[in-house]
Amino acid sequence: MYQIRCNMNDIFFIERWKGTIAMDKKEQQKLISYDLDCILAKMDVPKHLVGYKYLHFAIMQAVINPIYFRKQNDGFKFVTEQLEISVSAFKDGVKRATTCFWESNNVDKMVGFFRNYFSMKCGVPSDFELITYMASYLRTKHDYV
């Protein structure tokens, strides 16, 4: 159906086979999840961190249910209820994952991915801003409505 390729310039794109193929929401969510895994891997966030799971889940929920992520407290509360953990544990885990993200010295890659979403002139985005930027990027890229 669809083919995901990662080239050397860290640009991810989806290429359709000939013809028009309709995808249901579950297939599209799997595709977005795979693309998110590729992005987080390129940004050197280790999969064994608990924060990786929290960050991945939060971004996917922000893609699927953007209405809950209009305010930071609403978004974090929604995710922590789904994961059945405390808000402080969630914030600590996400902070660890995003610290790996920023300390990997891949700022050029990140600006390349998210150039339309943030500028490093304003400083490093907060965890919540990063989650919403990545969700917006994935939603736009995959035409997820």
C-alpha atoms as a PDB file:
ATOM      1  CA  MET A   1       0.000   0.000   0.000  1.00  0.00           C
ATOM      2  CA  TYR A   2       2.333   2.710   1.284  1.00  0.00           C
ATOM      3  CA  GLN A   3       6.070   2.703   1.490  1.00  0.00           C
ATOM      4  CA  ILE A   4       8.101   4.669   4.035  1.00  0.00           C
ATOM      5  CA  ARG A   5      11.647   5.513   3.142  1.00  0.00           C
ATOM      6  CA  CYS A   6      14.251   7.295   5.215  1.00  0.00           C
ATOM      7  CA  ASN A   7      16.959   8.856   3.102  1.00  0.00           C
ATOM      8  CA  MET A   8      20.371  10.097   4.184  1.00  0.00           C
ATOM      9  CA  ASN A   9      19.163  13.677   4.689  1.00  0.00           C
ATOM     10  CA  ASP A  10      16.746  12.532   7.395  1.00  0.00           C
ATOM     11  CA  ILE A  11      13.753  13.515   5.336  1.00  0.00           C
ATOM     12  CA  PHE A  12      10.815  11.196   5.797  1.00  0.00           C
ATOM     13  CA  PHE A  13       8.173  10.929   3.172  1.00  0.00           C
ATOM     14  CA  ILE A  14       5.415   8.588   2.131  1.00  0.00           C
ATOM     15  CA  GLU A  15       5.168   7.407  -1.385  1.00  0.00           C
ATOM     16  CA  ARG A  16       1.924   6.001  -2.725  1.00  0.00           C
ATOM     17  CA  TRP A  17       1.890   3.109  -5.098  1.00  0.00           C
ATOM     18  CA  LYS A  18       0.037   3.680  -8.346  1.00  0.00           C
ATOM     19  CA  GLY A  19      -3.661   4.241  -7.899  1.00  0.00           C
ATOM     20  CA  THR A  20      -5.649   5.734  -5.074  1.00  0.00           C
ATOM     21  CA  ILE A  21      -5.861   3.668  -1.921  1.00  0.00           C
ATOM     22  CA  ALA A  22      -8.156   4.669   0.917  1.00  0.00           C
ATOM     23  CA  MET A  23      -6.757   4.131   4.397  1.00  0.00           C
ATOM     24  CA  ASP A  24      -8.829   3.724   7.508  1.00  0.00           C
ATOM     25  CA  LYS A  25      -7.920   5.554  10.725  1.00  0.00           C
ATOM     26  CA  LYS A  26      -6.139   2.570  12.316  1.00  0.00           C
ATOM     27  CA  GLU A  27      -3.814   2.096   9.341  1.00  0.00           C
ATOM     28  CA  GLN A  28      -3.108   5.803   9.229  1.00  0.00           C
ATOM     29  CA  GLN A  29      -2.347   5.834  12.982  1.00  0.00           C
ATOM     30  CA  LYS A  30       0.084   2.919  12.564  1.00  0.00           C
ATOM     31  CA  LEU A  31       1.807   4.802   9.760  1.00  0.00           C
ATOM     32  CA  ILE A  32       2.058   7.960  11.875  1.00  0.00           C
ATOM     33  CA  SER A  33       3.370   5.922  14.815  1.00  0.00           C
ATOM     34  CA  TYR A  34       6.048   4.350  12.627  1.00  0.00           C
ATOM     35  CA  ASP A  35       7.035   7.756  11.269  1.00  0.00           C
ATOM     36  CA  LEU A  36       7.231   9.098  14.834  1.00  0.00           C
ATOM     37  CA  ASP A  37       9.485   6.168  15.805  1.00  0.00           C
ATOM     38  CA  CYS A  38      11.782   7.048  12.891  1.00  0.00           C
ATOM     39  CA  ILE A  39      11.923  10.705  13.913  1.00  0.00           C
ATOM     40  CA  LEU A  40      12.655   9.935  17.573  1.00  0.00           C
ATOM     41  CA  ALA A  41      15.338   7.434  16.538  1.00  0.00           C
ATOM     42  CA  LYS A  42      17.010  10.018  14.309  1.00  0.00           C
ATOM     43  CA  MET A  43      16.902  12.465  17.212  1.00  0.00           C
ATOM     44  CA  ASP A  44      18.765   9.960  19.437  1.00  0.00           C
ATOM     45  CA  VAL A  45      16.033   9.408  22.026  1.00  0.00           C
ATOM     46  CA  PRO A  46      16.747   5.916  23.423  1.00  0.00           C
ATOM     47  CA  LYS A  47      13.783   3.542  23.314  1.00  0.00           C
ATOM     48  CA  HIS A  48      14.615   1.996  26.678  1.00  0.00           C
ATOM     49  CA  LEU A  49      13.779   5.206  28.560  1.00  0.00           C
ATOM     50  CA  VAL A  50      10.421   5.283  30.294  1.00  0.00           C
ATOM     51  CA  GLY A  51      10.120   8.848  29.026  1.00  0.00           C
ATOM     52  CA  TYR A  52      10.301   7.593  25.437  1.00  0.00           C
ATOM     53  CA  LYS A  53       7.083   5.660  25.954  1.00  0.00           C
ATOM     54  CA  TYR A  54       5.431   8.663  27.605  1.00  0.00           C
ATOM     55  CA  LEU A  55       6.622  11.055  24.897  1.00  0.00           C
ATOM     56  CA  HIS A  56       5.536   8.736  22.080  1.00  0.00           C
ATOM     57  CA  PHE A  57       2.127   8.176  23.683  1.00  0.00           C
ATOM     58  CA  ALA A  58       1.608  11.900  24.327  1.00  0.00           C
ATOM     59  CA  ILE A  59       2.490  12.853  20.747  1.00  0.00           C
ATOM     60  CA  MET A  60       0.200  10.166  19.326  1.00  0.00           C
ATOM     61  CA  GLN A  61      -2.650  11.314  21.582  1.00  0.00           C
ATOM     62  CA  ALA A  62      -2.041  14.913  20.483  1.00  0.00           C
ATOM     63  CA  VAL A  63      -2.312  13.757  16.858  1.00  0.00           C
ATOM     64  CA  ILE A  64      -5.479  11.738  17.463  1.00  0.00           C
ATOM     65  CA  ASN A  65      -7.203  14.029  20.013  1.00  0.00           C
ATOM     66  CA  PRO A  66      -5.883  17.567  19.452  1.00  0.00           C
ATOM     67  CA  ILE A  67      -8.766  19.138  21.355  1.00  0.00           C
ATOM     68  CA  TYR A  68      -7.272  17.946  24.677  1.00  0.00           C
ATOM     69  CA  PHE A  69      -3.956  19.642  23.933  1.00  0.00           C
ATOM     70  CA  ARG A  70      -5.139  23.231  23.683  1.00  0.00           C
ATOM     71  CA  LYS A  71      -3.903  23.867  27.220  1.00  0.00           C
ATOM     72  CA  GLN A  72      -0.900  22.212  28.847  1.00  0.00           C
ATOM     73  CA  ASN A  73      -2.705  21.073  32.002  1.00  0.00           C
ATOM     74  CA  ASP A  74      -5.569  19.557  30.004  1.00  0.00           C
ATOM     75  CA  GLY A  75      -3.175  17.669  27.721  1.00  0.00           C
ATOM     76  CA  PHE A  76      -1.031  16.307  30.540  1.00  0.00           C
ATOM     77  CA  LYS A  77      -4.109  15.363  32.584  1.00  0.00           C
ATOM     78  CA  PHE A  78      -5.609  13.522  29.607  1.00  0.00           C
ATOM     79  CA  VAL A  79      -2.411  11.547  28.957  1.00  0.00           C
ATOM     80  CA  THR A  80      -1.786  10.680  32.605  1.00  0.00           C
ATOM     81  CA  GLU A  81      -5.364   9.409  32.979  1.00  0.00           C
ATOM     82  CA  GLN A  82      -4.825   7.176  29.939  1.00  0.00           C
ATOM     83  CA  LEU A  83      -1.468   5.880  31.238  1.00  0.00           C
ATOM     84  CA  GLU A  84      -2.701   5.700  34.853  1.00  0.00           C
ATOM     85  CA  ILE A  85       0.337   7.513  36.252  1.00  0.00           C
ATOM     86  CA  SER A  86       0.842  10.741  38.172  1.00  0.00           C
ATOM     87  CA  VAL A  87       1.393  14.022  36.368  1.00  0.00           C
ATOM     88  CA  SER A  88       4.780  14.481  38.059  1.00  0.00           C
ATOM     89  CA  ALA A  89       5.971  11.022  36.920  1.00  0.00           C
ATOM     90  CA  PHE A  90       4.837  11.840  33.389  1.00  0.00           C
ATOM     91  CA  LYS A  91       6.595  15.221  33.398  1.00  0.00           C
ATOM     92  CA  ASP A  92       9.816  13.681  34.779  1.00  0.00           C
ATOM     93  CA  GLY A  93       9.822  10.945  32.132  1.00  0.00           C
ATOM     94  CA  VAL A  94       9.131  13.344  29.288  1.00  0.00           C
ATOM     95  CA  LYS A  95      11.792  15.726  30.625  1.00  0.00           C
ATOM     96  CA  ARG A  96      14.364  12.887  30.510  1.00  0.00           C
ATOM     97  CA  ALA A  97      13.411  12.015  26.933  1.00  0.00           C
ATOM     98  CA  THR A  98      13.439  15.612  25.721  1.00  0.00           C
ATOM     99  CA  THR A  99      16.753  16.232  27.471  1.00  0.00           C
ATOM    100  CA  CYS A 100      18.238  13.412  25.344  1.00  0.00           C
ATOM    101  CA  PHE A 101      16.547  15.039  22.382  1.00  0.00           C
ATOM    102  CA  TRP A 102      18.230  18.416  22.937  1.00  0.00           C
ATOM    103  CA  GLU A 103      21.569  17.135  24.238  1.00  0.00           C
ATOM    104  CA  SER A 104      22.131  14.932  21.199  1.00  0.00           C
ATOM    105  CA  ASN A 105      23.488  18.017  19.400  1.00  0.00           C
ATOM    106  CA  ASN A 106      21.117  17.412  16.497  1.00  0.00           C
ATOM    107  CA  VAL A 107      19.755  20.945  16.532  1.00  0.00           C
ATOM    108  CA  ASP A 108      20.232  21.285  12.776  1.00  0.00           C
ATOM    109  CA  LYS A 109      18.211  18.112  12.190  1.00  0.00           C
ATOM    110  CA  MET A 110      15.464  19.347  14.503  1.00  0.00           C
ATOM    111  CA  VAL A 111      15.280  22.736  12.840  1.00  0.00           C
ATOM    112  CA  GLY A 112      15.235  20.906   9.495  1.00  0.00           C
ATOM    113  CA  PHE A 113      12.233  18.840  10.574  1.00  0.00           C
ATOM    114  CA  PHE A 114      10.318  21.559  12.337  1.00  0.00           C
ATOM    115  CA  ARG A 115      11.448  24.722  10.557  1.00  0.00           C
ATOM    116  CA  ASN A 116       7.863  25.902  10.122  1.00  0.00           C
ATOM    117  CA  TYR A 117       6.982  25.234  13.740  1.00  0.00           C
ATOM    118  CA  PHE A 118       9.704  26.804  15.850  1.00  0.00           C
ATOM    119  CA  SER A 119      12.832  28.868  15.650  1.00  0.00           C
ATOM    120  CA  MET A 120      15.894  28.352  17.815  1.00  0.00           C
ATOM    121  CA  LYS A 121      16.131  32.146  18.107  1.00  0.00           C
ATOM    122  CA  CYS A 122      13.336  31.938  20.690  1.00  0.00           C
ATOM    123  CA  GLY A 123      15.148  29.268  22.688  1.00  0.00           C
ATOM    124  CA  VAL A 124      14.397  25.618  23.296  1.00  0.00           C
ATOM    125  CA  PRO A 125      10.652  24.850  23.334  1.00  0.00           C
ATOM    126  CA  SER A 126       9.074  23.471  26.505  1.00  0.00           C
ATOM    127  CA  ASP A 127       8.067  19.803  26.656  1.00  0.00           C
ATOM    128  CA  PHE A 128       4.442  20.653  25.947  1.00  0.00           C
ATOM    129  CA  GLU A 129       5.401  22.857  22.980  1.00  0.00           C
ATOM    130  CA  LEU A 130       7.577  20.085  21.581  1.00  0.00           C
ATOM    131  CA  ILE A 131       4.701  17.586  21.884  1.00  0.00           C
ATOM    132  CA  THR A 132       2.249  19.910  20.147  1.00  0.00           C
ATOM    133  CA  TYR A 133       4.775  20.891  17.442  1.00  0.00           C
ATOM    134  CA  MET A 134       5.539  17.264  16.642  1.00  0.00           C
ATOM    135  CA  ALA A 135       1.846  16.363  16.635  1.00  0.00           C
ATOM    136  CA  SER A 136       1.047  19.263  14.324  1.00  0.00           C
ATOM    137  CA  TYR A 137       3.937  18.281  12.045  1.00  0.00           C
ATOM    138  CA  LEU A 138       2.745  14.660  11.839  1.00  0.00           C
ATOM    139  CA  ARG A 139      -0.922  15.599  11.444  1.00  0.00           C
ATOM    140  CA  THR A 140      -0.089  17.959   8.574  1.00  0.00           C
ATOM    141  CA  LYS A 141       2.319  15.561   6.907  1.00  0.00           C
ATOM    142  CA  HIS A 142      -0.106  12.649   6.939  1.00  0.00           C
ATOM    143  CA  ASP A 143      -3.272  14.705   6.270  1.00  0.00           C
ATOM    144  CA  TYR A 144      -4.785  13.313   9.441  1.00  0.00           C
ATOM    145  CA  VAL A 145      -8.166  14.852  10.130  1.00  0.00           C
END
